[in-house]
């Protein structure tokens, strides 16, 4: 964490520097909503979030709570040492397309088997993402896809110069 100071969490806040490595998955009871264009792509109270040291949480939505007709399989994959190989979706609404805006794990590792086919969205590529009524900010960079709320403090990995943390 060269050149950055850890932010101490206040009451009701979490520091990403207290998150574990390897990451931990947990159920989310708050309402999670994702909007693209004039369509609510997802709305759920059954999301899961993955917490990993230095990263804002990533929220995963069960496919049953997603308007899957707006997600089209995209080319390419990526690999996470903890969760396995990810596939990607393009998001299409009313002629507007955001390529590789969401990802999923069709065959996750045993520790993350409950994420099978759940979908995570890059908040930077959506028009709005909400957790518990709060609009989230996107994690910097174009790789990690974390969701930042007022209850999360950093600094956060993802921006230029932080990948080596």
Protein backbone atom coordinates (compact mmCIF):
# COMPACT_ATOMS: atom_id res chain seq x y z
CA UNK A 1 0.00 0.00 0.00
CA UNK A 2 2.81 2.35 -0.97
CA UNK A 3 1.93 6.04 -0.70
CA UNK A 4 -1.54 5.47 0.74
CA UNK A 5 -2.74 5.49 4.33
CA UNK A 6 -5.34 3.11 5.69
CA UNK A 7 -8.57 4.92 6.56
CA UNK A 8 -9.79 3.93 10.01
CA UNK A 9 -13.46 2.91 9.90
CA UNK A 10 -15.98 4.91 11.88
CA UNK A 11 -19.09 3.56 13.56
CA UNK A 12 -21.00 1.28 11.18
CA UNK A 13 -18.16 1.22 8.63
CA UNK A 14 -15.89 -1.55 7.37
CA UNK A 15 -12.30 -1.23 6.18
CA UNK A 16 -11.34 -3.25 3.13
CA UNK A 17 -8.04 -3.82 4.94
CA UNK A 18 -9.92 -5.95 7.49
CA UNK A 19 -11.33 -8.20 4.77
CA UNK A 20 -9.70 -11.65 4.45
CA UNK A 21 -7.41 -13.20 1.89
CA UNK A 22 -8.44 -15.68 0.60
CA UNK A 23 -11.75 -13.88 0.16
CA UNK A 24 -14.96 -14.64 2.03
CA UNK A 25 -18.48 -14.86 0.61
CA UNK A 26 -21.52 -13.79 2.59
CA UNK A 27 -25.25 -13.37 2.11
CA UNK A 28 -26.66 -9.85 1.72
CA UNK A 29 -30.01 -9.04 3.30
CA UNK A 30 -30.26 -5.50 1.92
CA UNK A 31 -32.09 -4.82 -1.33
CA UNK A 32 -29.78 -4.68 -4.34
CA UNK A 33 -30.90 -2.97 -7.54
CA UNK A 34 -29.17 -2.49 -10.90
CA UNK A 35 -30.43 -0.11 -13.60
CA UNK A 36 -29.30 0.20 -17.23
CA UNK A 37 -31.15 2.63 -19.47
CA UNK A 38 -34.75 2.68 -18.35
CA UNK A 39 -34.70 -0.99 -17.32
CA UNK A 40 -34.21 -2.39 -13.84
CA UNK A 41 -31.94 -5.29 -14.77
CA UNK A 42 -31.85 -6.78 -11.31
CA UNK A 43 -33.65 -6.44 -8.01
CA UNK A 44 -33.01 -8.85 -5.17
CA UNK A 45 -32.81 -9.46 -1.46
CA UNK A 46 -30.82 -12.66 -2.12
CA UNK A 47 -27.49 -11.25 -3.29
CA UNK A 48 -24.13 -12.49 -2.10
CA UNK A 49 -21.03 -10.36 -1.69
CA UNK A 50 -17.39 -11.34 -1.84
CA UNK A 51 -14.97 -9.59 0.51
CA UNK A 52 -11.24 -9.58 -0.20
CA UNK A 53 -8.39 -7.58 1.31
CA UNK A 54 -8.01 -4.14 -0.35
CA UNK A 55 -11.12 -4.54 -2.55
CA UNK A 56 -14.57 -3.02 -2.17
CA UNK A 57 -17.20 -5.79 -2.05
CA UNK A 58 -18.40 -7.35 -5.28
CA UNK A 59 -22.12 -8.16 -5.33
CA UNK A 60 -23.43 -11.29 -7.08
CA UNK A 61 -27.10 -11.58 -8.07
CA UNK A 62 -29.03 -14.84 -8.52
CA UNK A 63 -30.05 -15.26 -12.18
CA UNK A 64 -33.71 -15.68 -11.15
CA UNK A 65 -33.68 -12.03 -10.02
CA UNK A 66 -32.14 -10.67 -13.25
CA UNK A 67 -33.83 -9.71 -16.51
CA UNK A 68 -31.64 -12.27 -18.31
CA UNK A 69 -33.13 -11.43 -21.71
CA UNK A 70 -30.89 -8.32 -21.63
CA UNK A 71 -27.69 -10.33 -21.03
CA UNK A 72 -25.94 -11.87 -24.02
CA UNK A 73 -22.96 -14.24 -23.73
CA UNK A 74 -19.73 -12.46 -24.56
CA UNK A 75 -16.43 -13.84 -25.77
CA UNK A 76 -13.45 -14.51 -23.57
CA UNK A 77 -12.91 -15.62 -20.02
CA UNK A 78 -10.75 -14.67 -17.07
CA UNK A 79 -9.43 -16.67 -14.17
CA UNK A 80 -9.56 -15.97 -10.44
CA UNK A 81 -7.29 -18.06 -8.25
CA UNK A 82 -10.05 -18.27 -5.62
CA UNK A 83 -13.29 -18.55 -7.61
CA UNK A 84 -12.21 -20.16 -10.88
CA UNK A 85 -12.86 -19.32 -14.54
CA UNK A 86 -15.35 -16.52 -15.25
CA UNK A 87 -17.51 -16.01 -18.31
CA UNK A 88 -18.86 -12.62 -19.40
CA UNK A 89 -22.09 -11.05 -20.57
CA UNK A 90 -22.79 -8.03 -22.72
CA UNK A 91 -25.76 -5.99 -21.51
CA UNK A 92 -28.22 -4.85 -24.21
CA UNK A 93 -31.19 -2.55 -23.67
CA UNK A 94 -33.08 -0.64 -26.39
CA UNK A 95 -30.21 -0.80 -28.89
CA UNK A 96 -27.57 0.25 -26.36
CA UNK A 97 -24.86 -2.32 -25.60
CA UNK A 98 -22.24 -2.37 -22.87
CA UNK A 99 -19.71 -5.08 -23.67
CA UNK A 100 -18.47 -7.44 -20.94
CA UNK A 101 -20.42 -5.50 -18.34
CA UNK A 102 -21.15 -8.53 -16.18
CA UNK A 103 -19.49 -11.81 -15.27
CA UNK A 104 -20.33 -15.17 -13.72
CA UNK A 105 -18.73 -18.44 -12.67
CA UNK A 106 -20.31 -21.46 -14.42
CA UNK A 107 -18.13 -23.93 -12.47
CA UNK A 108 -16.72 -22.15 -9.42
CA UNK A 109 -14.20 -23.69 -7.06
CA UNK A 110 -15.64 -25.69 -4.13
CA UNK A 111 -15.24 -22.79 -1.68
CA UNK A 112 -17.41 -20.59 -3.91
CA UNK A 113 -19.85 -23.19 -5.26
CA UNK A 114 -22.80 -21.09 -4.01
CA UNK A 115 -21.84 -18.43 -6.60
CA UNK A 116 -22.58 -20.80 -9.50
CA UNK A 117 -24.28 -18.79 -12.26
CA UNK A 118 -24.80 -15.74 -10.01
CA UNK A 119 -23.98 -12.58 -11.97
CA UNK A 120 -21.80 -9.64 -10.92
CA UNK A 121 -22.09 -6.29 -12.70
CA UNK A 122 -19.45 -3.58 -13.11
CA UNK A 123 -21.13 -0.55 -11.51
CA UNK A 124 -19.05 1.72 -13.77
CA UNK A 125 -20.83 0.24 -16.79
CA UNK A 126 -24.35 0.50 -15.40
CA UNK A 127 -26.43 3.66 -15.03
CA UNK A 128 -27.03 3.00 -11.34
CA UNK A 129 -26.41 0.31 -8.75
CA UNK A 130 -27.99 0.45 -5.31
CA UNK A 131 -27.43 -1.35 -2.01
CA UNK A 132 -30.01 -0.81 0.70
CA UNK A 133 -31.26 2.39 -0.92
CA UNK A 134 -27.77 3.91 -1.33
CA UNK A 135 -26.38 4.53 -4.81
CA UNK A 136 -22.93 2.95 -5.04
CA UNK A 137 -19.74 4.35 -6.50
CA UNK A 138 -17.65 2.19 -8.80
CA UNK A 139 -14.20 0.97 -7.84
CA UNK A 140 -11.57 2.73 -9.95
CA UNK A 141 -10.06 0.89 -12.88
CA UNK A 142 -11.68 -1.47 -15.33
CA UNK A 143 -10.84 -4.87 -13.88
CA UNK A 144 -12.17 -5.50 -10.36
CA UNK A 145 -15.76 -4.23 -10.32
CA UNK A 146 -16.16 -3.45 -6.61
CA UNK A 147 -19.10 -1.51 -5.18
CA UNK A 148 -18.31 1.39 -2.82
CA UNK A 149 -20.88 2.63 -0.31
CA UNK A 150 -20.55 5.05 2.58
CA UNK A 151 -20.05 2.08 4.91
CA UNK A 152 -16.81 1.01 3.18
CA UNK A 153 -13.43 2.72 3.63
CA UNK A 154 -10.10 2.15 1.88
CA UNK A 155 -7.87 2.99 0.23
CA UNK A 156 -9.03 0.66 -2.52
CA UNK A 157 -7.02 -1.38 -4.98
CA UNK A 158 -7.87 -0.82 -8.64
CA UNK A 159 -6.62 2.60 -9.70
CA UNK A 160 -3.34 3.15 -11.55
CA UNK A 161 -0.38 2.14 -9.43
CA UNK A 162 -2.30 -0.08 -7.01
CA UNK A 163 -2.32 -3.46 -8.77
CA UNK A 164 0.89 -4.51 -7.01
CA UNK A 165 -0.57 -4.16 -3.50
